[in-house]
């Protein structure tokens, strides 16, 4: 399954730092933008897999569905 996320990358001195807007805790840095993108992809995989294992482990009644939230309009 392929899921799209929004990443933000900024230059900080000689390094680049980045984070994933939709996923708390997915942050990284690197010497190049390419390195930051690679690191963020790995962070996303690790966080999503960890969250999945944490919530699924031993759970017999699980509800999974998509939910839409409009953040910027009332």
PDB file of N, CA and C in Angstrom:
ATOM      1  N   UNK A   1       0.844  -1.163   0.000  1.00  0.00           N
ATOM      2  CA  UNK A   1       0.000   0.000   0.000  1.00  0.00           C
ATOM      3  C   UNK A   1       0.896   1.234   0.000  1.00  0.00           C
ATOM      4  N   UNK A   2       0.558   2.179  -0.842  1.00  0.00           N
ATOM      5  CA  UNK A   2       1.311   3.420  -0.925  1.00  0.00           C
ATOM      6  C   UNK A   2       0.464   4.546  -0.344  1.00  0.00           C
ATOM      7  N   UNK A   3       1.043   5.304   0.581  1.00  0.00           N
ATOM      8  CA  UNK A   3       0.361   6.416   1.228  1.00  0.00           C
ATOM      9  C   UNK A   3       1.211   7.664   1.020  1.00  0.00           C
ATOM     10  N   UNK A   4       0.568   8.771   0.707  1.00  0.00           N
ATOM     11  CA  UNK A   4       1.290  10.025   0.512  1.00  0.00           C
ATOM     12  C   UNK A   4       1.272  10.862   1.781  1.00  0.00           C
ATOM     13  N   UNK A   5       2.412  11.451   2.095  1.00  0.00           N
ATOM     14  CA  UNK A   5       2.556  12.342   3.239  1.00  0.00           C
ATOM     15  C   UNK A   5       3.150  13.662   2.759  1.00  0.00           C
ATOM     16  N   UNK A   6       2.980  14.701   3.540  1.00  0.00           N
ATOM     17  CA  UNK A   6       3.550  16.002   3.230  1.00  0.00           C
ATOM     18  C   UNK A   6       4.785  16.218   4.089  1.00  0.00           C
ATOM     19  N   UNK A   7       5.916  16.464   3.441  1.00  0.00           N
ATOM     20  CA  UNK A   7       7.128  16.730   4.197  1.00  0.00           C
ATOM     21  C   UNK A   7       7.509  18.199   4.058  1.00  0.00           C
ATOM     22  N   UNK A   8       8.153  18.708   5.084  1.00  0.00           N
ATOM     23  CA  UNK A   8       8.663  20.078   5.089  1.00  0.00           C
ATOM     24  C   UNK A   8      10.155  20.000   5.367  1.00  0.00           C
ATOM     25  N   UNK A   9      10.949  20.622   4.504  1.00  0.00           N
ATOM     26  CA  UNK A   9      12.404  20.609   4.663  1.00  0.00           C
ATOM     27  C   UNK A   9      12.906  22.050   4.665  1.00  0.00           C
ATOM     28  N   UNK A  10      13.759  22.358   5.631  1.00  0.00           N
ATOM     29  CA  UNK A  10      14.353  23.700   5.717  1.00  0.00           C
ATOM     30  C   UNK A  10      15.866  23.567   5.838  1.00  0.00           C
ATOM     31  N   UNK A  11      16.563  24.560   5.324  1.00  0.00           N
ATOM     32  CA  UNK A  11      18.018  24.587   5.460  1.00  0.00           C
ATOM     33  C   UNK A  11      18.349  25.215   6.807  1.00  0.00           C
ATOM     34  N   UNK A  12      19.234  24.571   7.534  1.00  0.00           N
ATOM     35  CA  UNK A  12      19.649  25.056   8.848  1.00  0.00           C
ATOM     36  C   UNK A  12      21.178  25.030   8.897  1.00  0.00           C
ATOM     37  N   UNK A  13      21.793  26.148   8.607  1.00  0.00           N
ATOM     38  CA  UNK A  13      23.248  26.180   8.509  1.00  0.00           C
ATOM     39  C   UNK A  13      23.698  25.368   7.310  1.00  0.00           C
ATOM     40  N   UNK A  14      24.602  24.417   7.533  1.00  0.00           N
ATOM     41  CA  UNK A  14      25.082  23.557   6.449  1.00  0.00           C
ATOM     42  C   UNK A  14      24.224  22.309   6.277  1.00  0.00           C
ATOM     43  N   UNK A  15      23.244  22.121   7.145  1.00  0.00           N
ATOM     44  CA  UNK A  15      22.406  20.923   7.146  1.00  0.00           C
ATOM     45  C   UNK A  15      20.984  21.257   6.708  1.00  0.00           C
ATOM     46  N   UNK A  16      20.225  20.194   6.455  1.00  0.00           N
ATOM     47  CA  UNK A  16      18.797  20.313   6.174  1.00  0.00           C
ATOM     48  C   UNK A  16      18.044  19.552   7.258  1.00  0.00           C
ATOM     49  N   UNK A  17      16.918  20.083   7.666  1.00  0.00           N
ATOM     50  CA  UNK A  17      16.065  19.418   8.655  1.00  0.00           C
ATOM     51  C   UNK A  17      14.676  19.277   8.053  1.00  0.00           C
ATOM     52  N   UNK A  18      13.995  18.194   8.413  1.00  0.00           N
ATOM     53  CA  UNK A  18      12.668  17.973   7.853  1.00  0.00           C
ATOM     54  C   UNK A  18      11.751  17.259   8.820  1.00  0.00           C
ATOM     55  N   UNK A  19      10.447  17.386   8.545  1.00  0.00           N
ATOM     56  CA  UNK A  19       9.450  16.672   9.329  1.00  0.00           C
ATOM     57  C   UNK A  19       8.265  16.323   8.442  1.00  0.00           C
ATOM     58  N   UNK A  20       7.436  15.418   8.923  1.00  0.00           N
ATOM     59  CA  UNK A  20       6.236  14.990   8.213  1.00  0.00           C
ATOM     60  C   UNK A  20       5.045  15.662   8.881  1.00  0.00           C
ATOM     61  N   UNK A  21       4.293  16.446   8.120  1.00  0.00           N
ATOM     62  CA  UNK A  21       3.177  17.212   8.685  1.00  0.00           C
ATOM     63  C   UNK A  21       2.127  16.320   9.346  1.00  0.00           C
ATOM     64  N   UNK A  22       1.807  15.213   8.722  1.00  0.00           N
ATOM     65  CA  UNK A  22       0.704  14.377   9.192  1.00  0.00           C
ATOM     66  C   UNK A  22       1.106  13.348  10.247  1.00  0.00           C
ATOM     67  N   UNK A  23       2.366  13.278  10.603  1.00  0.00           N
ATOM     68  CA  UNK A  23       2.814  12.203  11.473  1.00  0.00           C
ATOM     69  C   UNK A  23       3.740  12.730  12.568  1.00  0.00           C
ATOM     70  N   UNK A  24       3.190  12.883  13.738  1.00  0.00           N
ATOM     71  CA  UNK A  24       3.961  13.385  14.869  1.00  0.00           C
ATOM     72  C   UNK A  24       5.152  12.486  15.161  1.00  0.00           C
ATOM     73  N   UNK A  25       6.302  13.089  15.351  1.00  0.00           N
ATOM     74  CA  UNK A  25       7.497  12.329  15.691  1.00  0.00           C
ATOM     75  C   UNK A  25       8.364  11.952  14.512  1.00  0.00           C
ATOM     76  N   UNK A  26       7.882  12.171  13.290  1.00  0.00           N
ATOM     77  CA  UNK A  26       8.671  11.852  12.099  1.00  0.00           C
ATOM     78  C   UNK A  26       9.499  13.073  11.721  1.00  0.00           C
ATOM     79  N   UNK A  27      10.700  13.136  12.256  1.00  0.00           N
ATOM     80  CA  UNK A  27      11.629  14.241  12.020  1.00  0.00           C
ATOM     81  C   UNK A  27      12.971  13.666  11.617  1.00  0.00           C
ATOM     82  N   UNK A  28      13.746  14.443  10.858  1.00  0.00           N
ATOM     83  CA  UNK A  28      15.075  13.977  10.487  1.00  0.00           C
ATOM     84  C   UNK A  28      15.928  15.151  10.037  1.00  0.00           C
ATOM     85  N   UNK A  29      17.185  14.839   9.788  1.00  0.00           N
ATOM     86  CA  UNK A  29      18.108  15.830   9.255  1.00  0.00           C
ATOM     87  C   UNK A  29      19.094  15.128   8.338  1.00  0.00           C
ATOM     88  N   UNK A  30      19.809  15.907   7.546  1.00  0.00           N
ATOM     89  CA  UNK A  30      20.808  15.327   6.665  1.00  0.00           C
ATOM     90  C   UNK A  30      21.633  16.413   6.018  1.00  0.00           C
ATOM     91  N   UNK A  31      22.698  15.993   5.356  1.00  0.00           N
ATOM     92  CA  UNK A  31      23.576  16.942   4.681  1.00  0.00           C
ATOM     93  C   UNK A  31      22.989  17.408   3.356  1.00  0.00           C
ATOM     94  N   UNK A  32      22.070  16.603   2.788  1.00  0.00           N
ATOM     95  CA  UNK A  32      21.426  16.961   1.525  1.00  0.00           C
ATOM     96  C   UNK A  32      19.920  16.759   1.648  1.00  0.00           C
ATOM     97  N   UNK A  33      19.177  17.366   0.731  1.00  0.00           N
ATOM     98  CA  UNK A  33      17.723  17.174   0.707  1.00  0.00           C
ATOM     99  C   UNK A  33      17.407  15.704   0.429  1.00  0.00           C
ATOM    100  N   UNK A  34      18.154  15.095  -0.466  1.00  0.00           N
ATOM    101  CA  UNK A  34      17.945  13.677  -0.789  1.00  0.00           C
ATOM    102  C   UNK A  34      18.092  12.808   0.459  1.00  0.00           C
ATOM    103  N   UNK A  35      19.098  13.102   1.270  1.00  0.00           N
ATOM    104  CA  UNK A  35      19.319  12.337   2.504  1.00  0.00           C
ATOM    105  C   UNK A  35      18.164  12.527   3.489  1.00  0.00           C
ATOM    106  N   UNK A  36      17.679  13.757   3.607  1.00  0.00           N
ATOM    107  CA  UNK A  36      16.547  14.016   4.510  1.00  0.00           C
ATOM    108  C   UNK A  36      15.314  13.255   4.038  1.00  0.00           C
ATOM    109  N   UNK A  37      15.040  13.273   2.735  1.00  0.00           N
ATOM    110  CA  UNK A  37      13.881  12.548   2.198  1.00  0.00           C
ATOM    111  C   UNK A  37      13.995  11.051   2.498  1.00  0.00           C
ATOM    112  N   UNK A  38      15.170  10.496   2.284  1.00  0.00           N
ATOM    113  CA  UNK A  38      15.384   9.072   2.579  1.00  0.00           C
ATOM    114  C   UNK A  38      15.142   8.792   4.065  1.00  0.00           C
ATOM    115  N   UNK A  39      15.711   9.630   4.922  1.00  0.00           N
ATOM    116  CA  UNK A  39      15.554   9.444   6.369  1.00  0.00           C
ATOM    117  C   UNK A  39      14.097   9.572   6.799  1.00  0.00           C
ATOM    118  N   UNK A  40      13.374  10.510   6.195  1.00  0.00           N
ATOM    119  CA  UNK A  40      11.962  10.679   6.546  1.00  0.00           C
ATOM    120  C   UNK A  40      11.137   9.469   6.115  1.00  0.00           C
ATOM    121  N   UNK A  41      11.442   8.902   4.963  1.00  0.00           N
ATOM    122  CA  UNK A  41      10.734   7.689   4.523  1.00  0.00           C
ATOM    123  C   UNK A  41      10.952   6.561   5.528  1.00  0.00           C
ATOM    124  N   UNK A  42      12.180   6.410   5.995  1.00  0.00           N
ATOM    125  CA  UNK A  42      12.477   5.374   6.983  1.00  0.00           C
ATOM    126  C   UNK A  42      11.756   5.661   8.304  1.00  0.00           C
ATOM    127  N   UNK A  43      11.731   6.920   8.715  1.00  0.00           N
ATOM    128  CA  UNK A  43      11.036   7.291   9.955  1.00  0.00           C
ATOM    129  C   UNK A  43       9.551   6.978   9.851  1.00  0.00           C
ATOM    130  N   UNK A  44       8.954   7.295   8.711  1.00  0.00           N
ATOM    131  CA  UNK A  44       7.526   7.013   8.502  1.00  0.00           C
ATOM    132  C   UNK A  44       7.266   5.514   8.647  1.00  0.00           C
ATOM    133  N   UNK A  45       8.075   4.701   7.980  1.00  0.00           N
ATOM    134  CA  UNK A  45       7.903   3.248   8.046  1.00  0.00           C
ATOM    135  C   UNK A  45       7.996   2.747   9.482  1.00  0.00           C
ATOM    136  N   UNK A  46       9.001   3.201  10.201  1.00  0.00           N
ATOM    137  CA  UNK A  46       9.194   2.744  11.581  1.00  0.00           C
ATOM    138  C   UNK A  46       8.042   3.164  12.488  1.00  0.00           C
ATOM    139  N   UNK A  47       7.593   4.399  12.376  1.00  0.00           N
ATOM    140  CA  UNK A  47       6.521   4.894  13.235  1.00  0.00           C
ATOM    141  C   UNK A  47       5.205   4.194  12.926  1.00  0.00           C
ATOM    142  N   UNK A  48       4.872   4.071  11.650  1.00  0.00           N
ATOM    143  CA  UNK A  48       3.606   3.425  11.278  1.00  0.00           C
ATOM    144  C   UNK A  48       3.606   1.954  11.694  1.00  0.00           C
ATOM    145  N   UNK A  49       4.707   1.243  11.458  1.00  0.00           N
ATOM    146  CA  UNK A  49       4.783  -0.164  11.865  1.00  0.00           C
ATOM    147  C   UNK A  49       4.689  -0.304  13.381  1.00  0.00           C
ATOM    148  N   UNK A  50       5.357   0.570  14.104  1.00  0.00           N
ATOM    149  CA  UNK A  50       5.309   0.524  15.565  1.00  0.00           C
ATOM    150  C   UNK A  50       3.903   0.794  16.080  1.00  0.00           C
ATOM    151  N   UNK A  51       3.256   1.819  15.528  1.00  0.00           N
ATOM    152  CA  UNK A  51       1.879   2.134  15.939  1.00  0.00           C
ATOM    153  C   UNK A  51       0.939   0.973  15.633  1.00  0.00           C
ATOM    154  N   UNK A  52       1.107   0.371  14.465  1.00  0.00           N
ATOM    155  CA  UNK A  52       0.260  -0.751  14.077  1.00  0.00           C
ATOM    156  C   UNK A  52       0.420  -1.913  15.050  1.00  0.00           C
ATOM    157  N   UNK A  53       1.663  -2.267  15.362  1.00  0.00           N
ATOM    158  CA  UNK A  53       1.912  -3.368  16.292  1.00  0.00           C
ATOM    159  C   UNK A  53       1.378  -3.054  17.684  1.00  0.00           C
ATOM    160  N   UNK A  54       1.539  -1.823  18.107  1.00  0.00           N
ATOM    161  CA  UNK A  54       1.083  -1.418  19.442  1.00  0.00           C
ATOM    162  C   UNK A  54      -0.430  -1.559  19.582  1.00  0.00           C
ATOM    163  N   UNK A  55      -1.164  -1.113  18.567  1.00  0.00           N
ATOM    164  CA  UNK A  55      -2.621  -1.125  18.668  1.00  0.00           C
ATOM    165  C   UNK A  55      -3.248  -2.449  18.267  1.00  0.00           C
ATOM    166  N   UNK A  56      -2.596  -3.220  17.432  1.00  0.00           N
ATOM    167  CA  UNK A  56      -3.159  -4.479  16.944  1.00  0.00           C
ATOM    168  C   UNK A  56      -2.826  -5.642  17.875  1.00  0.00           C
ATOM    169  N   UNK A  57      -1.727  -5.578  18.564  1.00  0.00           N
ATOM    170  CA  UNK A  57      -1.227  -6.673  19.383  1.00  0.00           C
ATOM    171  C   UNK A  57      -2.283  -7.187  20.368  1.00  0.00           C
ATOM    172  N   UNK A  58      -2.812  -8.366  20.090  1.00  0.00           N
ATOM    173  CA  UNK A  58      -3.763  -8.995  20.997  1.00  0.00           C
ATOM    174  C   UNK A  58      -5.182  -8.463  20.916  1.00  0.00           C
ATOM    175  N   UNK A  59      -5.421  -7.473  20.089  1.00  0.00           N
ATOM    176  CA  UNK A  59      -6.758  -6.864  20.018  1.00  0.00           C
ATOM    177  C   UNK A  59      -7.669  -7.721  19.143  1.00  0.00           C
ATOM    178  N   UNK A  60      -8.817  -8.111  19.704  1.00  0.00           N
ATOM    179  CA  UNK A  60      -9.756  -8.973  18.980  1.00  0.00           C
ATOM    180  C   UNK A  60     -10.840  -8.168  18.267  1.00  0.00           C
ATOM    181  N   UNK A  61     -11.249  -7.048  18.845  1.00  0.00           N
ATOM    182  CA  UNK A  61     -12.285  -6.234  18.204  1.00  0.00           C
ATOM    183  C   UNK A  61     -11.660  -4.897  17.803  1.00  0.00           C
ATOM    184  N   UNK A  62     -11.402  -4.782  16.521  1.00  0.00           N
ATOM    185  CA  UNK A  62     -10.707  -3.612  16.010  1.00  0.00           C
ATOM    186  C   UNK A  62     -11.569  -2.938  14.952  1.00  0.00           C
ATOM    187  N   UNK A  63     -11.758  -1.655  15.084  1.00  0.00           N
ATOM    188  CA  UNK A  63     -12.476  -0.871  14.081  1.00  0.00           C
ATOM    189  C   UNK A  63     -11.451  -0.039  13.329  1.00  0.00           C
ATOM    190  N   UNK A  64     -11.423  -0.208  12.036  1.00  0.00           N
ATOM    191  CA  UNK A  64     -10.495   0.565  11.209  1.00  0.00           C
ATOM    192  C   UNK A  64     -11.287   1.213  10.094  1.00  0.00           C
ATOM    193  N   UNK A  65     -11.167   2.534   9.980  1.00  0.00           N
ATOM    194  CA  UNK A  65     -11.855   3.258   8.913  1.00  0.00           C
ATOM    195  C   UNK A  65     -11.127   4.568   8.647  1.00  0.00           C
ATOM    196  N   UNK A  66     -11.426   5.180   7.522  1.00  0.00           N
ATOM    197  CA  UNK A  66     -10.849   6.479   7.183  1.00  0.00           C
ATOM    198  C   UNK A  66     -11.751   7.575   7.726  1.00  0.00           C
ATOM    199  N   UNK A  67     -11.140   8.706   8.067  1.00  0.00           N
ATOM    200  CA  UNK A  67     -11.912   9.837   8.562  1.00  0.00           C
ATOM    201  C   UNK A  67     -11.363  11.101   7.891  1.00  0.00           C
ATOM    202  N   UNK A  68     -12.244  11.974   7.480  1.00  0.00           N
ATOM    203  CA  UNK A  68     -11.844  13.217   6.829  1.00  0.00           C
ATOM    204  C   UNK A  68     -12.036  14.378   7.800  1.00  0.00           C
ATOM    205  N   UNK A  69     -11.053  15.234   7.868  1.00  0.00           N
ATOM    206  CA  UNK A  69     -11.102  16.395   8.747  1.00  0.00           C
ATOM    207  C   UNK A  69     -10.681  17.611   7.941  1.00  0.00           C
ATOM    208  N   UNK A  70     -11.492  18.656   7.946  1.00  0.00           N
ATOM    209  CA  UNK A  70     -11.156  19.897   7.274  1.00  0.00           C
ATOM    210  C   UNK A  70     -10.491  20.811   8.279  1.00  0.00           C
ATOM    211  N   UNK A  71      -9.193  21.020   8.165  1.00  0.00           N
ATOM    212  CA  UNK A  71      -8.442  21.759   9.164  1.00  0.00           C
ATOM    213  C   UNK A  71      -8.532  23.267   9.009  1.00  0.00           C
ATOM    214  N   UNK A  72      -8.732  23.768   7.825  1.00  0.00           N
ATOM    215  CA  UNK A  72      -8.581  25.201   7.605  1.00  0.00           C
ATOM    216  C   UNK A  72      -9.883  25.938   7.340  1.00  0.00           C
ATOM    217  N   UNK A  73     -10.984  25.255   7.160  1.00  0.00           N
ATOM    218  CA  UNK A  73     -12.264  25.930   6.920  1.00  0.00           C
ATOM    219  C   UNK A  73     -13.250  25.548   8.000  1.00  0.00           C
ATOM    220  N   UNK A  74     -14.114  26.449   8.309  1.00  0.00           N
ATOM    221  CA  UNK A  74     -15.129  26.171   9.347  1.00  0.00           C
ATOM    222  C   UNK A  74     -16.465  25.890   8.709  1.00  0.00           C
TER     223      UNK A  74
END
